[in-house]
Amino acid sequence: MNSRSAPPLRLLAQDADDLAVISAALQDSVTRIGDIQWDPTSRQLTIAFNRFRWEAEGGQGERVRAGLQLGCVLAVKGRKLRRDAKDAVLELLALSFEPHEPPAGLVTFAFAAGGDLAATVECIDAALADVSPPWRTVRKPEHG
């Protein structure tokens, strides 16, 4: 990492506005089905991403390995995601929160090509952290 590069990202979310910030940071991140881990005993959903660093100075194309952990998760359901295809790559478009009886709700991970992952949560309890040095990429995400 050079001295001009932005520091590693560390974000916490406890409400829908905080989750929107994490969603923006994760936009265009990629993951594999095998990098999605749901532990019903600890009620945690953990996903490892290769995150595009939109905050990198000078419009550099950089990615970094990042981990997202969602706590207080009661259930997880996938749609159009093949759990047996561990190496299948997913591109994250956005995270959203649909409130139910406060503070509970549904956190949805919307992926390109129409798949999604929905986590029923008691409350919003999320943490995002960069866990590797950034690396350069020539592939900058584009939006039409």
C-alpha atoms as a PDB file:
ATOM      1  CA  MET A   1       0.000   0.000   0.000  1.00  0.00           C
ATOM      2  CA  ASN A   2       1.454   3.374  -0.903  1.00  0.00           C
ATOM      3  CA  SER A   3       1.426   6.383   1.419  1.00  0.00           C
ATOM      4  CA  ARG A   4      -1.314   8.121  -0.600  1.00  0.00           C
ATOM      5  CA  SER A   5      -3.712   5.224  -0.292  1.00  0.00           C
ATOM      6  CA  ALA A   6      -6.742   5.464   1.990  1.00  0.00           C
ATOM      7  CA  PRO A   7      -6.453   3.617   5.325  1.00  0.00           C
ATOM      8  CA  PRO A   8      -8.171   0.252   5.809  1.00  0.00           C
ATOM      9  CA  LEU A   9     -11.916   0.586   6.177  1.00  0.00           C
ATOM     10  CA  ARG A  10     -13.569  -0.278   9.505  1.00  0.00           C
ATOM     11  CA  LEU A  11     -17.330   0.331   9.729  1.00  0.00           C
ATOM     12  CA  LEU A  12     -20.067  -0.585  12.210  1.00  0.00           C
ATOM     13  CA  ALA A  13     -23.811  -0.503  11.558  1.00  0.00           C
ATOM     14  CA  GLN A  14     -26.575  -0.375  14.142  1.00  0.00           C
ATOM     15  CA  ASP A  15     -29.366   1.163  12.065  1.00  0.00           C
ATOM     16  CA  ALA A  16     -30.558   1.373   8.467  1.00  0.00           C
ATOM     17  CA  ASP A  17     -28.579   4.565   7.757  1.00  0.00           C
ATOM     18  CA  ASP A  18     -25.349   2.919   8.969  1.00  0.00           C
ATOM     19  CA  LEU A  19     -26.124  -0.147   6.849  1.00  0.00           C
ATOM     20  CA  ALA A  20     -26.514   2.102   3.792  1.00  0.00           C
ATOM     21  CA  VAL A  21     -22.930   3.314   4.322  1.00  0.00           C
ATOM     22  CA  ILE A  22     -21.699  -0.288   4.426  1.00  0.00           C
ATOM     23  CA  SER A  23     -23.753  -1.020   1.305  1.00  0.00           C
ATOM     24  CA  ALA A  24     -22.040   1.836  -0.552  1.00  0.00           C
ATOM     25  CA  ALA A  25     -18.597   0.606   0.545  1.00  0.00           C
ATOM     26  CA  LEU A  26     -19.419  -2.930  -0.628  1.00  0.00           C
ATOM     27  CA  GLN A  27     -20.989  -1.974  -3.967  1.00  0.00           C
ATOM     28  CA  ASP A  28     -19.406  -4.069  -6.738  1.00  0.00           C
ATOM     29  CA  SER A  29     -17.643  -6.373  -4.288  1.00  0.00           C
ATOM     30  CA  VAL A  30     -17.280  -9.980  -5.339  1.00  0.00           C
ATOM     31  CA  THR A  31     -17.515 -13.129  -3.267  1.00  0.00           C
ATOM     32  CA  ARG A  32     -17.816 -16.850  -3.810  1.00  0.00           C
ATOM     33  CA  ILE A  33     -20.667 -19.011  -2.519  1.00  0.00           C
ATOM     34  CA  GLY A  34     -18.042 -20.825  -0.423  1.00  0.00           C
ATOM     35  CA  ASP A  35     -17.113 -17.525   1.290  1.00  0.00           C
ATOM     36  CA  ILE A  36     -20.591 -17.198   2.813  1.00  0.00           C
ATOM     37  CA  GLN A  37     -20.760 -18.755   6.274  1.00  0.00           C
ATOM     38  CA  TRP A  38     -23.929 -18.951   8.418  1.00  0.00           C
ATOM     39  CA  ASP A  39     -23.542 -20.186  11.999  1.00  0.00           C
ATOM     40  CA  PRO A  40     -26.979 -20.654  13.578  1.00  0.00           C
ATOM     41  CA  THR A  41     -25.454 -21.450  16.989  1.00  0.00           C
ATOM     42  CA  SER A  42     -23.666 -18.088  17.271  1.00  0.00           C
ATOM     43  CA  ARG A  43     -26.339 -16.421  15.082  1.00  0.00           C
ATOM     44  CA  GLN A  44     -23.685 -14.887  12.831  1.00  0.00           C
ATOM     45  CA  LEU A  45     -23.507 -14.532   9.067  1.00  0.00           C
ATOM     46  CA  THR A  46     -19.974 -13.898   7.801  1.00  0.00           C
ATOM     47  CA  ILE A  47     -19.055 -13.129   4.210  1.00  0.00           C
ATOM     48  CA  ALA A  48     -15.573 -12.542   2.767  1.00  0.00           C
ATOM     49  CA  PHE A  49     -15.468 -10.142  -0.171  1.00  0.00           C
ATOM     50  CA  ASN A  50     -12.958  -8.739  -2.627  1.00  0.00           C
ATOM     51  CA  ARG A  51     -14.051  -5.127  -2.214  1.00  0.00           C
ATOM     52  CA  PHE A  52     -13.465  -2.433  -4.825  1.00  0.00           C
ATOM     53  CA  ARG A  53     -11.917   0.532  -2.990  1.00  0.00           C
ATOM     54  CA  TRP A  54     -14.033   3.422  -4.252  1.00  0.00           C
ATOM     55  CA  GLU A  55     -12.300   5.634  -1.685  1.00  0.00           C
ATOM     56  CA  ALA A  56      -8.795   5.089  -3.177  1.00  0.00           C
ATOM     57  CA  GLU A  57      -7.155   8.364  -4.177  1.00  0.00           C
ATOM     58  CA  GLY A  58      -6.727   9.379  -7.790  1.00  0.00           C
ATOM     59  CA  GLY A  59      -9.297   6.952  -9.134  1.00  0.00           C
ATOM     60  CA  GLN A  60      -6.868   4.052  -8.817  1.00  0.00           C
ATOM     61  CA  GLY A  61      -8.314   0.643  -9.446  1.00  0.00           C
ATOM     62  CA  GLU A  62      -7.792  -1.223  -6.187  1.00  0.00           C
ATOM     63  CA  ARG A  63      -9.416  -4.140  -4.424  1.00  0.00           C
ATOM     64  CA  VAL A  64      -8.944  -5.379  -0.880  1.00  0.00           C
ATOM     65  CA  ARG A  65     -10.068  -8.483   0.996  1.00  0.00           C
ATOM     66  CA  ALA A  66     -12.812  -7.480   3.423  1.00  0.00           C
ATOM     67  CA  GLY A  67     -14.994  -9.308   5.889  1.00  0.00           C
ATOM     68  CA  LEU A  68     -18.591  -8.512   6.770  1.00  0.00           C
ATOM     69  CA  GLN A  69     -20.108  -9.977   9.896  1.00  0.00           C
ATOM     70  CA  LEU A  70     -23.814  -9.698  10.620  1.00  0.00           C
ATOM     71  CA  GLY A  71     -24.908 -10.588  14.152  1.00  0.00           C
ATOM     72  CA  CYS A  72     -28.279 -11.378  15.770  1.00  0.00           C
ATOM     73  CA  VAL A  73     -29.257 -13.435  12.714  1.00  0.00           C
ATOM     74  CA  LEU A  74     -32.262 -15.702  13.210  1.00  0.00           C
ATOM     75  CA  ALA A  75     -32.515 -17.222   9.720  1.00  0.00           C
ATOM     76  CA  VAL A  76     -30.859 -17.030   6.293  1.00  0.00           C
ATOM     77  CA  LYS A  77     -32.496 -17.808   2.948  1.00  0.00           C
ATOM     78  CA  GLY A  78     -31.023 -17.682  -0.532  1.00  0.00           C
ATOM     79  CA  ARG A  79     -32.799 -17.233  -3.838  1.00  0.00           C
ATOM     80  CA  LYS A  80     -31.172 -18.197  -7.152  1.00  0.00           C
ATOM     81  CA  LEU A  81     -27.948 -19.157  -5.322  1.00  0.00           C
ATOM     82  CA  ARG A  82     -26.606 -22.697  -5.654  1.00  0.00           C
ATOM     83  CA  ARG A  83     -25.090 -23.666  -2.302  1.00  0.00           C
ATOM     84  CA  ASP A  84     -23.306 -26.634  -3.891  1.00  0.00           C
ATOM     85  CA  ALA A  85     -21.428 -24.362  -6.355  1.00  0.00           C
ATOM     86  CA  LYS A  86     -18.804 -23.226  -3.802  1.00  0.00           C
ATOM     87  CA  ASP A  87     -16.622 -21.509  -6.435  1.00  0.00           C
ATOM     88  CA  ALA A  88     -19.473 -19.614  -8.110  1.00  0.00           C
ATOM     89  CA  VAL A  89     -18.720 -15.880  -8.080  1.00  0.00           C
ATOM     90  CA  LEU A  90     -21.329 -13.356  -6.953  1.00  0.00           C
ATOM     91  CA  GLU A  91     -21.168  -9.594  -7.478  1.00  0.00           C
ATOM     92  CA  LEU A  92     -22.883  -7.551  -4.773  1.00  0.00           C
ATOM     93  CA  LEU A  93     -25.100  -4.728  -5.974  1.00  0.00           C
ATOM     94  CA  ALA A  94     -26.474  -3.505  -2.638  1.00  0.00           C
ATOM     95  CA  LEU A  95     -27.567  -4.256   0.912  1.00  0.00           C
ATOM     96  CA  SER A  96     -30.989  -3.179   2.076  1.00  0.00           C
ATOM     97  CA  PHE A  97     -33.002  -3.314   5.288  1.00  0.00           C
ATOM     98  CA  GLU A  98     -36.727  -3.942   5.509  1.00  0.00           C
ATOM     99  CA  PRO A  99     -37.977  -3.229   9.051  1.00  0.00           C
ATOM    100  CA  HIS A 100     -40.368  -5.581  10.761  1.00  0.00           C
ATOM    101  CA  GLU A 101     -41.330  -5.118  14.406  1.00  0.00           C
ATOM    102  CA  PRO A 102     -38.552  -2.764  15.632  1.00  0.00           C
ATOM    103  CA  PRO A 103     -35.694  -3.297  15.905  1.00  0.00           C
ATOM    104  CA  ALA A 104     -36.054  -6.556  13.910  1.00  0.00           C
ATOM    105  CA  GLY A 105     -36.101  -6.807  10.156  1.00  0.00           C
ATOM    106  CA  LEU A 106     -34.713  -8.338   7.005  1.00  0.00           C
ATOM    107  CA  VAL A 107     -31.242  -7.571   5.624  1.00  0.00           C
ATOM    108  CA  THR A 108     -31.085  -8.424   1.922  1.00  0.00           C
ATOM    109  CA  PHE A 109     -27.917  -8.846  -0.140  1.00  0.00           C
ATOM    110  CA  ALA A 110     -28.834  -8.226  -3.798  1.00  0.00           C
ATOM    111  CA  PHE A 111     -26.444  -9.807  -6.289  1.00  0.00           C
ATOM    112  CA  ALA A 112     -26.045  -9.263 -10.037  1.00  0.00           C
ATOM    113  CA  ALA A 113     -27.923 -11.766 -12.221  1.00  0.00           C
ATOM    114  CA  GLY A 114     -30.888 -11.749  -9.840  1.00  0.00           C
ATOM    115  CA  GLY A 115     -29.751 -13.809  -6.865  1.00  0.00           C
ATOM    116  CA  ASP A 116     -30.183 -12.621  -3.315  1.00  0.00           C
ATOM    117  CA  LEU A 117     -29.542 -13.630   0.264  1.00  0.00           C
ATOM    118  CA  ALA A 118     -31.985 -12.592   2.987  1.00  0.00           C
ATOM    119  CA  ALA A 119     -31.083 -12.595   6.678  1.00  0.00           C
ATOM    120  CA  THR A 120     -33.809 -12.217   9.291  1.00  0.00           C
ATOM    121  CA  VAL A 121     -32.264 -10.236  12.162  1.00  0.00           C
ATOM    122  CA  GLU A 122     -33.325  -9.291  15.681  1.00  0.00           C
ATOM    123  CA  CYS A 123     -31.623  -5.943  15.091  1.00  0.00           C
ATOM    124  CA  ILE A 124     -28.972  -4.442  12.823  1.00  0.00           C
ATOM    125  CA  ASP A 125     -25.566  -5.473  14.150  1.00  0.00           C
ATOM    126  CA  ALA A 126     -23.001  -5.379  11.346  1.00  0.00           C
ATOM    127  CA  ALA A 127     -19.252  -4.864  11.073  1.00  0.00           C
ATOM    128  CA  LEU A 128     -17.171  -4.448   7.915  1.00  0.00           C
ATOM    129  CA  ALA A 129     -13.370  -4.519   8.014  1.00  0.00           C
ATOM    130  CA  ASP A 130     -10.635  -4.601   5.393  1.00  0.00           C
ATOM    131  CA  VAL A 131      -8.353  -7.518   6.250  1.00  0.00           C
ATOM    132  CA  SER A 132      -5.596  -7.390   3.621  1.00  0.00           C
ATOM    133  CA  PRO A 133      -3.398  -4.859   1.879  1.00  0.00           C
ATOM    134  CA  PRO A 134      -5.010  -3.483  -1.298  1.00  0.00           C
ATOM    135  CA  TRP A 135      -3.918  -4.677  -4.722  1.00  0.00           C
ATOM    136  CA  ARG A 136      -4.238  -2.986  -8.073  1.00  0.00           C
ATOM    137  CA  THR A 137      -6.835  -4.092 -10.569  1.00  0.00           C
ATOM    138  CA  VAL A 138      -7.361  -2.938 -14.129  1.00  0.00           C
ATOM    139  CA  ARG A 139     -11.045  -3.876 -13.921  1.00  0.00           C
ATOM    140  CA  LYS A 140     -12.974  -0.914 -12.592  1.00  0.00           C
ATOM    141  CA  PRO A 141     -16.706  -1.619 -12.176  1.00  0.00           C
ATOM    142  CA  GLU A 142     -18.878   0.240 -14.658  1.00  0.00           C
ATOM    143  CA  HIS A 143     -22.536   1.146 -14.383  1.00  0.00           C
ATOM    144  CA  GLY A 144     -24.695   1.751 -17.444  1.00  0.00           C
END
